[in-house]
C-alpha atoms as a PDB file:
ATOM      1  CA  MET A   1     -60.054-176.789-149.552  1.00  0.00           C
ATOM      2  CA  ALA A   2     -63.528-175.596-148.727  1.00  0.00           C
ATOM      3  CA  ASN A   3     -64.409-179.030-148.341  1.00  0.00           C
ATOM      4  CA  THR A   4     -61.757-179.601-145.801  1.00  0.00           C
ATOM      5  CA  VAL A   5     -62.644-176.574-143.995  1.00  0.00           C
ATOM      6  CA  ASP A   6     -66.218-177.282-143.799  1.00  0.00           C
ATOM      7  CA  SER A   7     -65.637-181.077-143.037  1.00  0.00           C
ATOM      8  CA  ALA A   8     -63.520-180.267-139.969  1.00  0.00           C
ATOM      9  CA  LYS A   9     -65.997-177.818-138.763  1.00  0.00           C
ATOM     10  CA  GLN A  10     -68.684-180.647-139.097  1.00  0.00           C
ATOM     11  CA  GLU A  11     -66.338-182.601-136.829  1.00  0.00           C
ATOM     12  CA  ALA A  12     -66.238-180.003-133.984  1.00  0.00           C
ATOM     13  CA  THR A  13     -69.685-179.483-134.340  1.00  0.00           C
ATOM     14  CA  ASP A  14     -70.241-183.246-133.892  1.00  0.00           C
ATOM     15  CA  THR A  15     -67.820-183.434-131.376  1.00  0.00           C
ATOM     16  CA  TRP A  16     -69.338-180.493-129.253  1.00  0.00           C
ATOM     17  CA  ILE A  17     -73.094-181.900-129.617  1.00  0.00           C
ATOM     18  CA  THR A  18     -72.017-185.424-128.517  1.00  0.00           C
ATOM     19  CA  THR A  19     -70.152-183.621-125.554  1.00  0.00           C
ATOM     20  CA  LYS A  20     -73.319-181.693-124.662  1.00  0.00           C
ATOM     21  CA  VAL A  21     -75.779-184.388-125.065  1.00  0.00           C
ATOM     22  CA  LYS A  22     -74.024-186.534-122.548  1.00  0.00           C
ATOM     23  CA  ALA A  23     -73.333-183.828-120.195  1.00  0.00           C
ATOM     24  CA  ASP A  24     -76.794-183.051-120.160  1.00  0.00           C
ATOM     25  CA  LEU A  25     -77.794-186.670-119.981  1.00  0.00           C
ATOM     26  CA  LEU A  26     -75.708-187.361-117.129  1.00  0.00           C
ATOM     27  CA  THR A  27     -77.202-184.081-115.411  1.00  0.00           C
ATOM     28  CA  GLU A  28     -80.507-184.857-115.897  1.00  0.00           C
ATOM     29  CA  LYS A  29     -82.309-187.076-112.860  1.00  0.00           C
ATOM     30  CA  GLY A  30     -83.948-190.016-113.687  1.00  0.00           C
ATOM     31  CA  VAL A  31     -81.997-190.955-117.131  1.00  0.00           C
ATOM     32  CA  PRO A  32     -79.235-193.435-116.821  1.00  0.00           C
ATOM     33  CA  GLY A  33     -77.129-190.989-118.579  1.00  0.00           C
ATOM     34  CA  SER A  34     -73.715-192.889-117.792  1.00  0.00           C
ATOM     35  CA  ASP A  35     -75.329-195.953-119.481  1.00  0.00           C
ATOM     36  CA  ILE A  36     -76.355-194.196-123.040  1.00  0.00           C
ATOM     37  CA  LYS A  37     -73.692-193.914-125.482  1.00  0.00           C
ATOM     38  CA  VAL A  38     -74.184-190.876-127.898  1.00  0.00           C
ATOM     39  CA  GLU A  39     -72.642-190.695-131.036  1.00  0.00           C
ATOM     40  CA  THR A  40     -73.135-187.755-133.336  1.00  0.00           C
ATOM     41  CA  SER A  41     -72.702-187.794-136.964  1.00  0.00           C
ATOM     42  CA  GLN A  42     -73.271-184.468-139.329  1.00  0.00           C
ATOM     43  CA  GLY A  43     -75.575-183.090-136.949  1.00  0.00           C
ATOM     44  CA  VAL A  44     -77.487-186.598-136.221  1.00  0.00           C
ATOM     45  CA  VAL A  45     -77.451-187.738-132.926  1.00  0.00           C
ATOM     46  CA  SER A  46     -77.277-191.928-132.371  1.00  0.00           C
ATOM     47  CA  LEU A  47     -78.323-192.945-128.999  1.00  0.00           C
ATOM     48  CA  SER A  48     -78.034-196.513-127.601  1.00  0.00           C
ATOM     49  CA  SER A  49     -77.338-198.517-124.335  1.00  0.00           C
ATOM     50  CA  ASP A  50     -75.881-202.097-123.081  1.00  0.00           C
ATOM     51  CA  VAL A  51     -78.857-201.977-120.463  1.00  0.00           C
ATOM     52  CA  ALA A  52     -82.678-201.424-120.903  1.00  0.00           C
ATOM     53  CA  VAL A  53     -84.030-197.943-120.347  1.00  0.00           C
ATOM     54  CA  THR A  54     -87.931-197.421-119.407  1.00  0.00           C
ATOM     55  CA  GLU A  55     -90.002-195.847-122.532  1.00  0.00           C
ATOM     56  CA  SER A  56     -89.959-192.693-120.336  1.00  0.00           C
ATOM     57  CA  GLN A  57     -86.455-192.402-120.133  1.00  0.00           C
ATOM     58  CA  LYS A  58     -85.563-193.080-124.011  1.00  0.00           C
ATOM     59  CA  ALA A  59     -88.323-190.308-124.347  1.00  0.00           C
ATOM     60  CA  MET A  60     -86.719-187.933-121.803  1.00  0.00           C
ATOM     61  CA  ALA A  61     -83.323-188.651-123.544  1.00  0.00           C
ATOM     62  CA  VAL A  62     -84.447-188.199-126.811  1.00  0.00           C
ATOM     63  CA  ARG A  63     -86.217-184.711-125.758  1.00  0.00           C
ATOM     64  CA  ILE A  64     -82.750-183.727-124.334  1.00  0.00           C
ATOM     65  CA  ALA A  65     -80.556-184.486-127.658  1.00  0.00           C
ATOM     66  CA  LYS A  66     -83.196-182.934-129.703  1.00  0.00           C
ATOM     67  CA  ASN A  67     -82.781-179.463-127.257  1.00  0.00           C
ATOM     68  CA  ILE A  68     -79.083-179.268-128.092  1.00  0.00           C
ATOM     69  CA  LYS A  69     -78.311-176.336-130.912  1.00  0.00           C
ATOM     70  CA  GLY A  70     -77.214-177.966-134.082  1.00  0.00           C
ATOM     71  CA  VAL A  71     -78.991-181.459-133.508  1.00  0.00           C
ATOM     72  CA  ARG A  72     -80.784-182.307-136.875  1.00  0.00           C
ATOM     73  CA  SER A  73     -82.275-185.398-135.666  1.00  0.00           C
ATOM     74  CA  VAL A  74     -82.273-188.150-133.251  1.00  0.00           C
ATOM     75  CA  MET A  75     -82.047-191.958-133.630  1.00  0.00           C
ATOM     76  CA  SER A  76     -83.035-193.983-130.813  1.00  0.00           C
ATOM     77  CA  ASP A  77     -83.250-197.445-132.209  1.00  0.00           C
ATOM     78  CA  GLY A  78     -80.037-198.693-130.329  1.00  0.00           C
ATOM     79  CA  LEU A  79     -82.005-197.683-127.012  1.00  0.00           C
ATOM     80  CA  LYS A  80     -83.112-200.947-125.418  1.00  0.00           C
ATOM     81  CA  ALA A  81     -86.536-200.476-123.977  1.00  0.00           C
ATOM     82  CA  GLU A  82     -87.680-202.786-120.884  1.00  0.00           C
END
């Protein structure tokens, strides 16, 4: 029973993190927030995009994600750099 509660709590946290990262990316000037996909699993945020982003945009997106409470780490392998 405890595992079910913990996993439901984690899912809610992951959903909140994903939503918060997306919102922060969208409001940040200079980052193509609408082109960056965000997925979160157990506090690990994965950023990816179908369009190329600059190295500075990639770094900014990673920094924004890392600043969100509850984020353990950020994976940016899926962000295509120009």
